[in-house]
Amino acid sequence: MRYLGVDYGSKKVGLALSDEAGTMGFPYRIVPNTPSLIEDLCSVIEKENIGAVVIGESRNLAGDENPIAKDARALGDGVAKRSGIPIFFESEVFTSTEARRMQVRGKNPRSPKSRKPIDDAAAALILTSFLSRIQHG
């Protein structure tokens, strides 16, 4: 089964796709967070033959939901209702930090060229974490 990973943000949403076997996530694209986001995700789900969606579960370091978590949950509810496929949530603690760290390896991290968007890479880390956990859980 193929999965879609989502790194939800108030302005941008990173997307990742799994391989056909559902073992690893790969960056796919970054889309703007607009009122048509649910429809946009459902189009990807249909086009890429997605069987389940994994959305990053946004929490602070104490484990409490942060302000964006409510919107990410609403997105999950909307996608589930519209697409009819299962929605899972996976911790996204440090995924953006890790994605940025991977991006700047071998580059000057203070260089403006090193600061390209990493939302799709963060989505791939969220998705890969989920897939690894369910395979080895």
Protein backbone atom coordinates (compact mmCIF):
# COMPACT_ATOMS: atom_id res chain seq x y z
CA MET A 1 0.00 0.00 0.00
CA ARG A 2 1.18 3.50 -0.78
CA TYR A 3 1.06 6.24 1.89
CA LEU A 4 0.97 10.04 1.77
CA GLY A 5 2.91 11.90 4.47
CA VAL A 6 1.89 15.42 5.47
CA ASP A 7 3.91 18.06 7.35
CA TYR A 8 1.17 20.58 8.12
CA GLY A 9 2.02 24.25 8.44
CA SER A 10 -0.05 27.40 8.58
CA LYS A 11 1.45 28.68 5.30
CA LYS A 12 2.99 25.65 3.58
CA VAL A 13 2.27 21.95 3.68
CA GLY A 14 4.98 19.43 2.88
CA LEU A 15 4.00 16.19 1.16
CA ALA A 16 5.83 12.89 0.87
CA LEU A 17 4.96 9.61 -0.80
CA SER A 18 5.97 6.14 0.22
CA ASP A 19 7.31 3.56 -2.15
CA GLU A 20 4.81 0.97 -3.43
CA ALA A 21 5.72 -1.45 -0.64
CA GLY A 22 5.05 1.19 2.03
CA THR A 23 8.51 0.96 3.57
CA MET A 24 9.99 4.46 3.19
CA GLY A 25 8.88 8.05 2.56
CA PHE A 26 10.27 10.32 -0.14
CA PRO A 27 9.79 14.08 -0.55
CA TYR A 28 7.04 14.80 -3.08
CA ARG A 29 6.13 18.47 -3.13
CA ILE A 30 5.25 21.54 -1.09
CA VAL A 31 1.79 23.05 -1.51
CA PRO A 32 0.38 26.29 -0.11
CA ASN A 33 -2.05 26.04 2.77
CA THR A 34 -5.17 27.45 1.13
CA PRO A 35 -8.91 26.88 1.63
CA SER A 36 -8.70 24.22 -1.11
CA LEU A 37 -6.09 22.14 0.77
CA ILE A 38 -8.41 19.20 1.44
CA GLU A 39 -9.39 19.03 -2.24
CA ASP A 40 -5.73 19.37 -3.26
CA LEU A 41 -4.73 16.46 -1.01
CA CYS A 42 -7.63 14.34 -2.24
CA SER A 43 -6.43 14.94 -5.82
CA VAL A 44 -2.97 13.65 -4.85
CA ILE A 45 -4.58 10.67 -3.08
CA GLU A 46 -6.49 9.76 -6.22
CA LYS A 47 -3.66 10.46 -8.68
CA GLU A 48 -1.03 8.53 -6.69
CA ASN A 49 -3.33 5.67 -5.54
CA ILE A 50 -2.82 6.39 -1.84
CA GLY A 51 -4.24 3.93 0.70
CA ALA A 52 -3.63 5.93 3.91
CA VAL A 53 -2.42 9.35 5.04
CA VAL A 54 0.05 10.08 7.84
CA ILE A 55 -0.09 13.60 9.27
CA GLY A 56 2.58 14.99 11.56
CA GLU A 57 1.25 15.29 15.10
CA SER A 58 2.30 18.69 16.32
CA ARG A 59 3.18 18.80 20.02
CA ASN A 60 5.55 20.83 22.17
CA LEU A 61 8.46 19.27 24.04
CA ALA A 62 6.25 18.67 27.10
CA GLY A 63 4.00 16.50 24.93
CA ASP A 64 1.10 18.94 24.81
CA GLU A 65 -0.59 19.93 21.57
CA ASN A 66 0.70 23.21 20.21
CA PRO A 67 -1.57 25.76 18.49
CA ILE A 68 -1.27 24.20 15.02
CA ALA A 69 -2.29 20.72 16.22
CA LYS A 70 -6.00 21.59 16.19
CA ASP A 71 -5.80 22.66 12.53
CA ALA A 72 -3.82 19.53 11.58
CA ARG A 73 -6.49 17.35 13.24
CA ALA A 74 -9.23 19.23 11.37
CA LEU A 75 -7.33 18.63 8.14
CA GLY A 76 -7.15 14.91 8.94
CA ASP A 77 -10.87 14.80 9.67
CA GLY A 78 -11.68 16.60 6.43
CA VAL A 79 -9.45 14.37 4.30
CA ALA A 80 -10.87 11.22 5.94
CA LYS A 81 -14.43 12.35 5.34
CA ARG A 82 -13.77 13.36 1.72
CA SER A 83 -11.49 10.46 0.69
CA GLY A 84 -12.73 7.60 2.87
CA ILE A 85 -9.19 6.38 3.59
CA PRO A 86 -7.55 5.98 7.02
CA ILE A 87 -5.69 8.91 8.57
CA PHE A 88 -2.88 8.33 11.08
CA PHE A 89 -0.92 10.81 13.17
CA GLU A 90 2.81 10.52 13.85
CA SER A 91 4.99 12.64 16.11
CA GLU A 92 6.79 15.36 14.20
CA VAL A 93 9.07 16.52 17.00
CA PHE A 94 12.35 17.73 15.47
CA THR A 95 11.50 16.63 11.90
CA SER A 96 11.97 20.12 10.47
CA THR A 97 15.23 20.50 12.39
CA GLU A 98 16.45 17.13 11.11
CA ALA A 99 15.39 17.92 7.54
CA ARG A 100 17.27 21.24 7.65
CA ARG A 101 20.34 19.52 9.15
CA MET A 102 20.32 16.96 6.34
CA GLN A 103 19.90 19.73 3.75
CA VAL A 104 22.95 21.72 4.84
CA ARG A 105 25.43 18.88 5.21
CA GLY A 106 28.54 19.95 3.36
CA LYS A 107 27.19 23.49 2.89
CA ASN A 108 27.57 26.66 4.86
CA PRO A 109 24.39 26.65 7.01
CA ARG A 110 24.40 30.45 7.10
CA SER A 111 24.35 30.74 3.32
CA PRO A 112 21.00 31.93 1.90
CA LYS A 113 21.24 29.12 -0.66
CA SER A 114 21.08 26.64 2.24
CA ARG A 115 17.67 27.93 3.33
CA LYS A 116 15.41 26.42 0.69
CA PRO A 117 12.08 24.98 1.87
CA ILE A 118 12.33 21.66 3.71
CA ASP A 119 8.65 20.93 4.34
CA ASP A 120 8.55 17.98 1.91
CA ALA A 121 11.69 16.48 3.47
CA ALA A 122 10.12 16.85 6.93
CA ALA A 123 7.01 15.07 5.60
CA ALA A 124 9.24 12.24 4.36
CA LEU A 125 10.80 11.92 7.83
CA ILE A 126 7.34 11.81 9.46
CA LEU A 127 6.18 9.18 7.00
CA THR A 128 9.33 7.06 7.28
CA SER A 129 9.09 7.18 11.10
CA PHE A 130 5.49 5.94 10.97
CA LEU A 131 6.28 3.18 8.44
CA SER A 132 9.27 2.00 10.46
CA ARG A 133 7.22 1.92 13.66
CA ILE A 134 4.38 -0.14 12.16
CA GLN A 135 6.80 -2.57 10.47
CA HIS A 136 8.95 -3.10 13.55
CA GLY A 137 6.38 -2.20 16.22
